[in-house]
């Protein structure tokens, strides 16, 4: 039985409902949340190991065989991201236990955080496009609540923009689903792949593919990222960290799944367009990261740069590049959580967000300073941290495919990442301290523990690459060979029966 596939969605979903009834007791909420996160991590590890031993897993709801019923599919790609989501969201929540104001905790912060995780995990595991839409909406509805926490004027304005953009994207998603179903007659992803291969990816299907690309680009921040810097820089630090670590990655995952499994027959249109969008995203994100002085906005533009870099692997479209993108996805989920929590801590301690109004923080908060330094090195792809291995494989894939202009764009963006974060480190942590002993606010050790664990994790991924290597290689192999996924889902079933 493959019932384990549904647990990464069911556990946070049920936890969210339970936490609603525990609203009067924040302590009880934290206890239940902690137990839920630990069980979610254990289930995710078990699922990943089971996939390693048994291959791709499939769970048919209600006993309906594909392509007729609802199903979840677990391969190494999805399982790796589910595990990373569980670990990263858990560490962010442990930070939130010490950093979240009581008024935010009373506004159902913890329940909606778990609903967001449930939507993310459901999106990663679903095997049909309509349920991908449903899980997207679960994730987004939770994010609509979380993005409004705090209630400031600027935050409300950015929240309205965030909601409006995602509502429009969801409408386009439904339109794309309707056209695809009307053309192909199914929404099971493996079955769609078979029928597209049989019919050929003609002009109509290529147009539908472009609509899907626009939808996922809006949600991931690929080129159409104008909403992202404001929306990610306005909420409280734990919310911003959840968004930066998880939300854009679901859009990236969806693009990889759809454009390696379904719409890969006319790559001159779709993947050429993805490559151009990735380069423009890298350019725009890099310029934004060096143009601003607000550390929250700089961090947000680094999210944009990472999305562009991950999409280079899809544009290159070979197994080595896929391996690089999978590594980089895992790395970026970890390191963006650390970046946004570190930036949030800096603002909380100083009451300032501009780099020209902070100085000498490393004298007052040395561990925070060195954790930010680790973040900078990892994001720039400097060994032995986790960003290095993903960039190397992406570069190897680009060289193998002869995509030298993509290679150049990707590695130039690393210089902009390094420069943008080095500005923060040199201006905010070095120099004469602007905080006297009397003015120095204590940095709660409970906040430093999850930050330190995230810093240790980015180092562990870089140093212990061989532990992840078999899982990442399997994920990349399935992405490069869609028939493996199709066989695992459809099996002996005749798709057109």
Protein backbone atom coordinates (compact mmCIF):
# COMPACT_ATOMS: atom_id res chain seq x y z
CA UNK A 1 0.00 0.00 0.00
CA UNK A 2 1.22 3.47 -0.90
CA UNK A 3 -0.91 5.39 1.60
CA UNK A 4 2.25 7.12 2.80
CA UNK A 5 1.94 9.42 -0.24
CA UNK A 6 -1.09 11.20 1.19
CA UNK A 7 0.37 11.80 4.65
CA UNK A 8 2.56 14.83 3.74
CA UNK A 9 -0.66 16.64 2.83
CA UNK A 10 -3.01 15.14 5.42
CA UNK A 11 -0.75 15.72 8.46
CA UNK A 12 -0.39 19.52 8.05
CA UNK A 13 -4.03 19.81 6.93
CA UNK A 14 -5.35 18.09 10.06
CA UNK A 15 -2.85 19.98 12.21
CA UNK A 16 -4.17 23.28 10.87
CA UNK A 17 -7.75 22.34 11.80
CA UNK A 18 -6.71 21.19 15.28
CA UNK A 19 -4.80 24.42 15.89
CA UNK A 20 -7.95 26.43 15.19
CA UNK A 21 -9.55 24.92 18.29
CA UNK A 22 -6.41 25.54 20.38
CA UNK A 23 -6.45 29.30 19.78
CA UNK A 24 -6.85 30.20 23.49
CA UNK A 25 -3.61 28.36 24.36
CA UNK A 26 -0.56 29.42 22.36
CA UNK A 27 1.55 26.94 24.32
CA UNK A 28 -0.69 24.06 23.24
CA UNK A 29 -0.50 25.29 19.63
CA UNK A 30 3.29 25.23 19.75
CA UNK A 31 3.36 21.73 21.24
CA UNK A 32 1.00 20.30 18.61
CA UNK A 33 2.84 22.15 15.83
CA UNK A 34 6.19 20.74 16.98
CA UNK A 35 4.90 17.17 17.10
CA UNK A 36 3.30 17.57 13.70
CA UNK A 37 6.49 18.87 12.10
CA UNK A 38 8.57 16.03 13.54
CA UNK A 39 6.07 13.44 12.30
CA UNK A 40 5.99 15.14 8.88
CA UNK A 41 9.78 14.96 8.59
CA UNK A 42 9.75 11.28 9.61
CA UNK A 43 7.06 10.47 7.02
CA UNK A 44 8.96 12.39 4.31
CA UNK A 45 12.17 10.48 5.02
CA UNK A 46 10.30 7.18 4.96
CA UNK A 47 8.66 8.07 1.65
CA UNK A 48 11.97 9.02 0.03
CA UNK A 49 13.60 5.75 1.15
CA UNK A 50 10.62 3.72 -0.05
CA UNK A 51 10.87 5.35 -3.49
CA UNK A 52 14.57 4.51 -3.57
CA UNK A 53 13.81 0.84 -2.88
CA UNK A 54 10.56 0.35 -4.84
CA UNK A 55 10.69 3.01 -7.54
CA UNK A 56 7.99 5.55 -8.32
CA UNK A 57 4.95 5.15 -6.05
CA UNK A 58 1.31 5.67 -7.03
CA UNK A 59 -1.76 6.06 -4.83
CA UNK A 60 -5.19 5.76 -6.46
CA UNK A 61 -7.94 7.40 -4.44
CA UNK A 62 -11.17 5.42 -4.19
CA UNK A 63 -9.67 2.49 -6.07
CA UNK A 64 -10.12 4.25 -9.44
CA UNK A 65 -7.28 3.29 -11.77
CA UNK A 66 -5.59 5.95 -13.87
CA UNK A 67 -6.39 7.84 -15.96
CA UNK A 68 -9.93 7.97 -14.55
CA UNK A 69 -9.41 8.73 -10.87
CA UNK A 70 -7.59 11.13 -8.60
CA UNK A 71 -4.07 10.01 -7.77
CA UNK A 72 -0.86 11.02 -6.04
CA UNK A 73 2.50 10.11 -7.57
CA UNK A 74 5.76 10.08 -5.67
CA UNK A 75 9.09 10.08 -7.49
CA UNK A 76 12.49 11.17 -6.18
CA UNK A 77 12.01 14.74 -7.46
CA UNK A 78 8.75 15.27 -5.56
CA UNK A 79 9.94 13.38 -2.47
CA UNK A 80 13.15 15.40 -2.16
CA UNK A 81 11.18 18.64 -2.26
CA UNK A 82 8.58 17.35 0.21
CA UNK A 83 11.35 16.45 2.65
CA UNK A 84 13.05 19.82 2.20
CA UNK A 85 9.71 21.58 2.65
CA UNK A 86 9.10 19.71 5.90
CA UNK A 87 12.52 20.51 7.36
CA UNK A 88 12.64 24.14 6.26
CA UNK A 89 9.06 24.97 7.29
CA UNK A 90 9.71 23.32 10.64
CA UNK A 91 12.79 25.46 11.32
CA UNK A 92 10.91 28.60 10.26
CA UNK A 93 8.09 27.73 12.66
CA UNK A 94 10.56 27.12 15.49
CA UNK A 95 11.94 30.60 14.79
CA UNK A 96 8.39 31.95 14.78
CA UNK A 97 7.77 30.48 18.25
CA UNK A 98 10.24 33.04 19.62
CA UNK A 99 9.72 35.88 17.14
CA UNK A 100 5.99 36.09 16.41
CA UNK A 101 4.01 38.68 18.30
CA UNK A 102 1.11 37.44 20.40
CA UNK A 103 -1.40 39.42 18.34
CA UNK A 104 -0.24 37.58 15.21
CA UNK A 105 -0.42 34.24 16.99
CA UNK A 106 -4.01 35.07 17.91
CA UNK A 107 -4.73 35.78 14.23
CA UNK A 108 -4.28 32.06 13.41
CA UNK A 109 -0.69 32.32 12.20
CA UNK A 110 0.12 28.70 13.02
CA UNK A 111 -2.99 27.08 11.46
CA UNK A 112 -2.58 28.93 8.17
CA UNK A 113 1.15 28.14 8.09
CA UNK A 114 0.24 24.45 8.16
CA UNK A 115 -2.44 24.93 5.50
CA UNK A 116 0.23 26.53 3.31
CA UNK A 117 2.54 23.53 3.84
CA UNK A 118 -0.35 21.18 3.02
CA UNK A 119 -0.96 23.01 -0.26
CA UNK A 120 2.75 22.92 -1.14
CA UNK A 121 3.07 19.18 -0.47
CA UNK A 122 -0.15 18.43 -2.34
CA UNK A 123 1.11 20.36 -5.35
CA UNK A 124 4.34 18.37 -5.33
CA UNK A 125 2.64 14.96 -5.14
CA UNK A 126 -0.48 15.25 -7.27
CA UNK A 127 -0.59 13.33 -10.54
CA UNK A 128 -3.20 15.36 -12.41
CA UNK A 129 -3.38 18.98 -13.44
CA UNK A 130 -6.78 19.82 -11.96
CA UNK A 131 -5.64 18.73 -8.50
CA UNK A 132 -2.48 20.75 -9.05
CA UNK A 133 -4.79 23.74 -9.43
CA UNK A 134 -6.72 22.77 -6.28
CA UNK A 135 -3.54 22.38 -4.21
CA UNK A 136 -2.23 25.67 -5.60
CA UNK A 137 -5.40 27.32 -4.34
CA UNK A 138 -5.10 25.76 -0.87
CA UNK A 139 -1.56 27.12 -0.68
CA UNK A 140 -2.57 30.54 -2.01
CA UNK A 141 -5.62 30.96 0.24
CA UNK A 142 -3.39 30.35 3.26
CA UNK A 143 -0.81 32.80 1.89
CA UNK A 144 -3.52 35.49 1.45
CA UNK A 145 -4.13 35.38 5.20
CA UNK A 146 -0.45 35.27 6.12
CA UNK A 147 0.57 38.14 3.84
CA UNK A 148 -1.86 40.49 5.61
CA UNK A 149 -0.55 39.78 9.12
CA UNK A 150 0.73 42.99 10.63
CA UNK A 151 -1.81 45.33 9.08
CA UNK A 152 0.50 48.21 8.11
CA UNK A 153 -0.53 50.53 5.30
CA UNK A 154 2.29 49.55 2.93
CA UNK A 155 1.79 45.90 3.76
CA UNK A 156 -1.91 46.13 2.95
CA UNK A 157 -1.13 47.74 -0.41
CA UNK A 158 1.36 44.99 -1.29
CA UNK A 159 -1.10 42.35 -0.07
CA UNK A 160 -3.76 43.63 -2.45
CA UNK A 161 -1.29 43.48 -5.33
CA UNK A 162 -0.24 39.94 -4.34
CA UNK A 163 -3.85 38.72 -4.14
CA UNK A 164 -4.84 40.39 -7.42
CA UNK A 165 -1.91 38.89 -9.36
CA UNK A 166 -2.54 35.39 -8.05
CA UNK A 167 -6.28 35.58 -8.74
CA UNK A 168 -5.53 36.55 -12.35
CA UNK A 169 -2.96 33.73 -12.61
CA UNK A 170 -5.49 31.24 -11.22
CA UNK A 171 -8.05 32.38 -13.81
CA UNK A 172 -5.54 31.79 -16.61
CA UNK A 173 -4.77 28.39 -15.07
CA UNK A 174 -8.45 27.41 -15.34
CA UNK A 175 -8.60 28.67 -18.92
CA UNK A 176 -5.53 26.59 -19.82
CA UNK A 177 -7.05 23.52 -18.13
CA UNK A 178 -10.31 23.97 -20.05
CA UNK A 179 -8.56 24.27 -23.42
CA UNK A 180 -6.28 21.32 -22.66
CA UNK A 181 -9.17 19.08 -21.58
CA UNK A 182 -11.20 20.10 -24.60
CA UNK A 183 -8.28 19.21 -26.86
CA UNK A 184 -6.88 16.10 -25.20
CA UNK A 185 -9.82 14.80 -23.12
CA UNK A 186 -7.90 14.07 -19.92
CA UNK A 187 -6.11 15.89 -17.09
CA UNK A 188 -3.99 13.00 -15.78
CA UNK A 189 -0.44 14.19 -16.47
CA UNK A 190 0.91 10.84 -17.65
CA UNK A 191 -2.15 10.30 -19.86
CA UNK A 192 -1.83 13.84 -21.29
CA UNK A 193 1.79 13.07 -22.15
CA UNK A 194 0.77 9.94 -24.07
CA UNK A 195 -1.97 11.74 -26.02
CA UNK A 196 0.20 14.75 -26.84
CA UNK A 197 2.87 12.38 -28.16
CA UNK A 198 0.25 10.58 -30.27
CA UNK A 199 -1.36 13.74 -31.65
CA UNK A 200 1.83 15.76 -32.00
CA UNK A 201 2.40 19.14 -30.38
CA UNK A 202 0.78 21.27 -33.05
CA UNK A 203 0.06 25.02 -32.95
CA UNK A 204 -2.98 24.64 -30.65
CA UNK A 205 -1.13 22.59 -28.05
CA UNK A 206 1.88 24.92 -28.28
CA UNK A 207 -0.43 27.87 -27.59
CA UNK A 208 -1.86 26.03 -24.56
CA UNK A 209 1.69 25.34 -23.42
CA UNK A 210 2.48 29.07 -23.58
CA UNK A 211 -0.59 29.82 -21.41
CA UNK A 212 0.65 27.31 -18.82
CA UNK A 213 4.07 28.95 -19.01
CA UNK A 214 2.54 32.37 -18.29
CA UNK A 215 0.57 30.96 -15.34
CA UNK A 216 3.55 29.27 -13.73
CA UNK A 217 5.83 32.22 -14.53
CA UNK A 218 3.46 34.53 -12.63
CA UNK A 219 3.41 32.19 -9.66
CA UNK A 220 7.16 31.54 -9.66
CA UNK A 221 8.33 35.09 -10.41
CA UNK A 222 9.90 34.17 -13.76
CA UNK A 223 10.19 37.45 -15.74
CA UNK A 224 6.72 38.53 -14.49
CA UNK A 225 8.18 39.22 -11.04
CA UNK A 226 7.04 42.84 -10.61
CA UNK A 227 4.75 41.83 -7.73
CA UNK A 228 7.35 39.83 -5.82
CA UNK A 229 9.81 42.31 -4.20
CA UNK A 230 7.08 44.30 -2.45
CA UNK A 231 4.99 41.28 -1.45
CA UNK A 232 7.96 39.40 0.02
CA UNK A 233 9.51 42.39 1.80
CA UNK A 234 6.43 43.61 3.67
CA UNK A 235 5.22 40.70 5.91
CA UNK A 236 6.84 39.69 9.23
CA UNK A 237 10.09 37.72 8.93
CA UNK A 238 8.66 34.19 9.48
CA UNK A 239 5.96 34.77 6.84
CA UNK A 240 8.46 36.25 4.37
CA UNK A 241 10.79 33.28 4.98
CA UNK A 242 7.96 30.79 4.31
CA UNK A 243 7.07 32.61 1.09
CA UNK A 244 10.67 32.89 -0.14
CA UNK A 245 11.52 29.29 0.71
CA UNK A 246 8.36 27.59 -0.58
CA UNK A 247 5.97 29.53 -2.80
CA UNK A 248 8.09 30.32 -5.84
CA UNK A 249 9.53 26.78 -5.72
CA UNK A 250 6.10 25.28 -6.33
CA UNK A 251 5.80 27.31 -9.52
CA UNK A 252 9.29 26.18 -10.56
CA UNK A 253 8.39 22.55 -9.80
CA UNK A 254 5.20 22.82 -11.87
CA UNK A 255 7.15 24.16 -14.85
CA UNK A 256 9.66 21.32 -14.63
CA UNK A 257 6.92 18.71 -14.35
CA UNK A 258 4.77 20.07 -17.19
CA UNK A 259 7.57 20.97 -19.61
CA UNK A 260 9.52 17.72 -19.18
CA UNK A 261 6.55 15.36 -19.10
CA UNK A 262 3.98 16.97 -21.43
CA UNK A 263 5.14 19.91 -23.56
CA UNK A 264 8.63 18.91 -24.66
CA UNK A 265 8.03 18.00 -28.32
CA UNK A 266 8.46 21.50 -29.76
CA UNK A 267 11.29 22.77 -27.61
CA UNK A 268 12.25 25.47 -30.10
CA UNK A 269 9.15 27.40 -28.98
CA UNK A 270 8.57 26.48 -25.34
CA UNK A 271 12.09 25.89 -24.07
CA UNK A 272 13.55 28.66 -26.19
CA UNK A 273 11.02 31.00 -24.59
CA UNK A 274 11.87 29.65 -21.13
CA UNK A 275 15.57 30.31 -21.78
CA UNK A 276 14.90 33.90 -22.86
CA UNK A 277 12.66 34.50 -19.85
CA UNK A 278 15.30 33.02 -17.53
CA UNK A 279 18.01 35.34 -18.87
CA UNK A 280 15.78 38.41 -18.61
CA UNK A 281 14.81 37.38 -15.07
CA UNK A 282 18.47 37.04 -14.11
CA UNK A 283 19.20 40.48 -15.56
CA UNK A 284 16.25 42.20 -13.90
CA UNK A 285 16.82 40.49 -10.54
CA UNK A 286 20.53 41.34 -10.59
CA UNK A 287 19.88 45.02 -11.32
CA UNK A 288 17.25 45.18 -8.59
CA UNK A 289 19.53 43.52 -6.05
CA UNK A 290 22.27 46.14 -6.49
CA UNK A 291 19.98 49.16 -6.97
CA UNK A 292 18.21 49.23 -3.59
CA UNK A 293 19.40 49.94 -0.07
CA UNK A 294 16.54 48.26 1.79
CA UNK A 295 17.83 44.85 2.90
CA UNK A 296 14.36 43.28 2.60
CA UNK A 297 14.07 44.37 -1.04
CA UNK A 298 17.62 43.18 -1.77
CA UNK A 299 16.74 39.77 -0.32
CA UNK A 300 13.54 39.69 -2.41
CA UNK A 301 15.42 40.37 -5.64
CA UNK A 302 17.75 37.52 -4.75
CA UNK A 303 14.65 35.28 -4.85
CA UNK A 304 14.05 36.50 -8.41
CA UNK A 305 17.66 35.73 -9.40
CA UNK A 306 17.36 32.20 -8.01
CA UNK A 307 14.20 31.52 -10.02
CA UNK A 308 15.96 32.59 -13.19
CA UNK A 309 18.96 30.38 -12.42
CA UNK A 310 16.82 27.31 -11.70
CA UNK A 311 15.00 27.73 -15.00
CA UNK A 312 18.30 27.63 -16.90
CA UNK A 313 18.33 23.88 -16.28
CA UNK A 314 14.91 23.50 -17.92
CA UNK A 315 15.99 25.65 -20.87
CA UNK A 316 19.18 23.62 -21.38
CA UNK A 317 17.09 20.43 -21.18
CA UNK A 318 19.54 17.63 -20.52
CA UNK A 319 20.09 15.31 -17.59
CA UNK A 320 23.13 17.11 -16.18
CA UNK A 321 21.28 20.43 -16.15
CA UNK A 322 18.24 18.80 -14.53
CA UNK A 323 20.53 17.47 -11.82
CA UNK A 324 21.87 20.97 -11.24
CA UNK A 325 18.36 22.43 -10.99
CA UNK A 326 17.24 19.78 -8.48
CA UNK A 327 20.28 20.44 -6.31
CA UNK A 328 19.72 24.18 -6.61
CA UNK A 329 16.03 23.90 -5.71
CA UNK A 330 16.90 22.07 -2.49
CA UNK A 331 19.69 24.53 -1.73
CA UNK A 332 17.55 27.57 -2.40
CA UNK A 333 14.72 26.45 -0.13
CA UNK A 334 17.20 26.18 2.74
CA UNK A 335 19.24 29.29 2.07
CA UNK A 336 16.34 31.64 1.33
CA UNK A 337 14.79 30.70 4.68
CA UNK A 338 18.10 31.55 6.36
CA UNK A 339 18.48 34.81 4.41
CA UNK A 340 15.01 36.13 5.25
CA UNK A 341 15.20 35.11 8.90
CA UNK A 342 18.62 36.74 9.24
CA UNK A 343 17.40 39.93 7.56
CA UNK A 344 14.29 39.93 9.77
CA UNK A 345 16.46 39.57 12.86
CA UNK A 346 18.65 42.49 11.78
CA UNK A 347 15.60 44.73 11.36
CA UNK A 348 14.13 43.60 14.67
CA UNK A 349 17.37 44.37 16.52
CA UNK A 350 18.03 47.77 14.97
CA UNK A 351 14.62 49.07 14.01
CA UNK A 352 16.10 49.94 10.60
CA UNK A 353 15.99 48.27 7.19
CA UNK A 354 18.41 50.42 5.14
CA UNK A 355 22.04 49.45 4.82
CA UNK A 356 23.19 53.04 5.31
CA UNK A 357 21.55 53.18 8.76
CA UNK A 358 23.22 50.10 10.26
CA UNK A 359 26.86 49.51 11.09
CA UNK A 360 29.10 47.32 13.24
CA UNK A 361 26.46 44.72 14.11
CA UNK A 362 29.01 41.92 14.20
CA UNK A 363 30.44 43.40 17.42
CA UNK A 364 27.08 43.22 19.10
CA UNK A 365 25.79 40.03 17.46
CA UNK A 366 28.78 38.01 16.20
CA UNK A 367 26.93 34.73 15.56
CA UNK A 368 24.27 36.48 13.49
CA UNK A 369 27.01 38.21 11.50
CA UNK A 370 28.84 35.01 10.65
CA UNK A 371 25.60 33.24 9.78
CA UNK A 372 24.88 36.02 7.30
CA UNK A 373 28.40 35.59 5.92
CA UNK A 374 27.69 31.86 5.37
CA UNK A 375 24.44 32.81 3.64
CA UNK A 376 26.32 35.14 1.32
CA UNK A 377 28.90 32.50 0.37
CA UNK A 378 26.27 29.81 -0.19
CA UNK A 379 24.07 32.02 -2.38
CA UNK A 380 27.07 33.04 -4.46
CA UNK A 381 27.88 29.36 -5.06
CA UNK A 382 31.21 29.29 -3.24
CA UNK A 383 32.32 25.82 -2.02
CA UNK A 384 31.87 23.94 0.24
CA UNK A 385 28.34 25.31 0.67
CA UNK A 386 25.20 23.95 -0.98
CA UNK A 387 24.92 26.52 -3.79
CA UNK A 388 28.14 25.30 -5.40
CA UNK A 389 27.08 21.84 -6.53
CA UNK A 390 23.89 23.01 -8.25
CA UNK A 391 25.75 25.69 -10.19
CA UNK A 392 28.44 23.24 -11.27
CA UNK A 393 25.95 20.71 -12.67
CA UNK A 394 23.93 23.43 -14.38
CA UNK A 395 27.13 24.72 -15.95
CA UNK A 396 28.13 21.23 -17.08
CA UNK A 397 24.71 20.76 -18.64
CA UNK A 398 24.99 24.09 -20.45
CA UNK A 399 28.42 23.20 -21.83
CA UNK A 400 27.19 19.75 -22.86
CA UNK A 401 24.25 21.31 -24.71
CA UNK A 402 26.30 24.13 -26.23
CA UNK A 403 24.23 26.80 -24.43
CA UNK A 404 27.12 29.10 -23.63
CA UNK A 405 25.02 32.26 -23.47
CA UNK A 406 22.87 30.67 -20.76
CA UNK A 407 26.03 29.63 -18.94
CA UNK A 408 27.38 33.19 -19.11
CA UNK A 409 24.11 34.68 -17.84
CA UNK A 410 23.93 32.25 -14.95
CA UNK A 411 27.43 32.82 -13.67
CA UNK A 412 27.33 36.58 -14.17
CA UNK A 413 24.26 36.59 -11.92
CA UNK A 414 26.35 34.91 -9.20
CA UNK A 415 28.63 37.94 -9.18
CA UNK A 416 25.63 40.24 -8.69
CA UNK A 417 24.37 38.03 -5.85
CA UNK A 418 27.77 38.16 -4.17
CA UNK A 419 28.02 41.93 -4.59
CA UNK A 420 24.49 42.65 -3.35
CA UNK A 421 24.96 40.62 -0.17
CA UNK A 422 28.53 41.81 0.35
CA UNK A 423 27.13 45.36 0.44
CA UNK A 424 24.86 44.33 3.31
CA UNK A 425 27.65 42.52 5.14
CA UNK A 426 30.21 45.30 4.80
CA UNK A 427 27.81 48.16 5.55
CA UNK A 428 25.75 46.55 8.31
CA UNK A 429 28.16 44.25 10.12
CA UNK A 430 31.57 45.91 9.72
CA UNK A 431 32.59 49.44 10.68
CA UNK A 432 31.85 51.35 13.85
CA UNK A 433 28.91 50.03 15.77
CA UNK A 434 25.87 52.29 15.93
CA UNK A 435 24.46 50.47 18.98
CA UNK A 436 25.71 51.30 22.46
CA UNK A 437 25.61 48.77 25.30
CA UNK A 438 22.62 50.58 26.75
CA UNK A 439 20.75 50.47 23.43
CA UNK A 440 21.67 46.89 22.57
CA UNK A 441 18.65 44.64 22.38
CA UNK A 442 19.13 41.01 23.43
CA UNK A 443 19.01 38.43 20.65
CA UNK A 444 16.94 35.54 21.92
CA UNK A 445 18.93 32.30 21.74
CA UNK A 446 15.76 30.52 20.66
CA UNK A 447 15.93 32.54 17.43
CA UNK A 448 19.57 31.68 16.86
CA UNK A 449 19.01 27.92 17.08
CA UNK A 450 16.94 27.57 13.85
CA UNK A 451 19.25 30.06 12.10
CA UNK A 452 22.27 28.00 13.15
CA UNK A 453 20.60 24.76 12.03
CA UNK A 454 19.85 26.25 8.62
CA UNK A 455 23.47 27.40 8.36
CA UNK A 456 24.66 23.91 9.31
CA UNK A 457 22.26 22.40 6.77
CA UNK A 458 23.59 24.45 3.85
CA UNK A 459 27.10 23.33 4.79
CA UNK A 460 26.00 19.71 5.24
CA UNK A 461 24.36 19.63 1.79
CA UNK A 462 27.56 20.94 0.23
CA UNK A 463 29.93 18.65 2.13
CA UNK A 464 27.64 15.60 2.09
CA UNK A 465 26.65 15.80 -1.56
CA UNK A 466 27.21 12.06 -1.98
CA UNK A 467 24.34 11.31 0.39
CA UNK A 468 21.87 13.15 -1.84
CA UNK A 469 23.54 12.18 -5.12
CA UNK A 470 21.60 8.90 -5.79
CA UNK A 471 18.24 10.58 -5.13
CA UNK A 472 19.07 13.65 -7.24
CA UNK A 473 20.43 11.47 -10.06
CA UNK A 474 17.21 9.43 -10.04
CA UNK A 475 15.10 12.60 -10.08
CA UNK A 476 17.03 14.01 -13.04
CA UNK A 477 16.85 10.67 -14.88
CA UNK A 478 13.05 10.56 -14.59
CA UNK A 479 12.78 14.19 -15.76
CA UNK A 480 14.95 13.39 -18.79
CA UNK A 481 13.02 10.19 -19.58
CA UNK A 482 9.27 10.83 -19.23
CA UNK A 483 8.41 7.29 -20.28
CA UNK A 484 9.58 6.12 -16.83
CA UNK A 485 6.97 8.31 -15.13
CA UNK A 486 4.29 7.28 -17.64
CA UNK A 487 4.97 3.57 -17.13
CA UNK A 488 4.87 3.97 -13.33
CA UNK A 489 1.50 5.75 -13.48
CA UNK A 490 -0.33 3.96 -16.28
CA UNK A 491 1.36 0.58 -15.87
CA UNK A 492 -0.56 -2.11 -17.73
CA UNK A 493 -3.61 0.14 -18.08
CA UNK A 494 -4.49 0.92 -21.66
CA UNK A 495 -4.88 4.73 -21.62
CA UNK A 496 -7.60 4.88 -24.24
CA UNK A 497 -9.86 2.22 -22.78
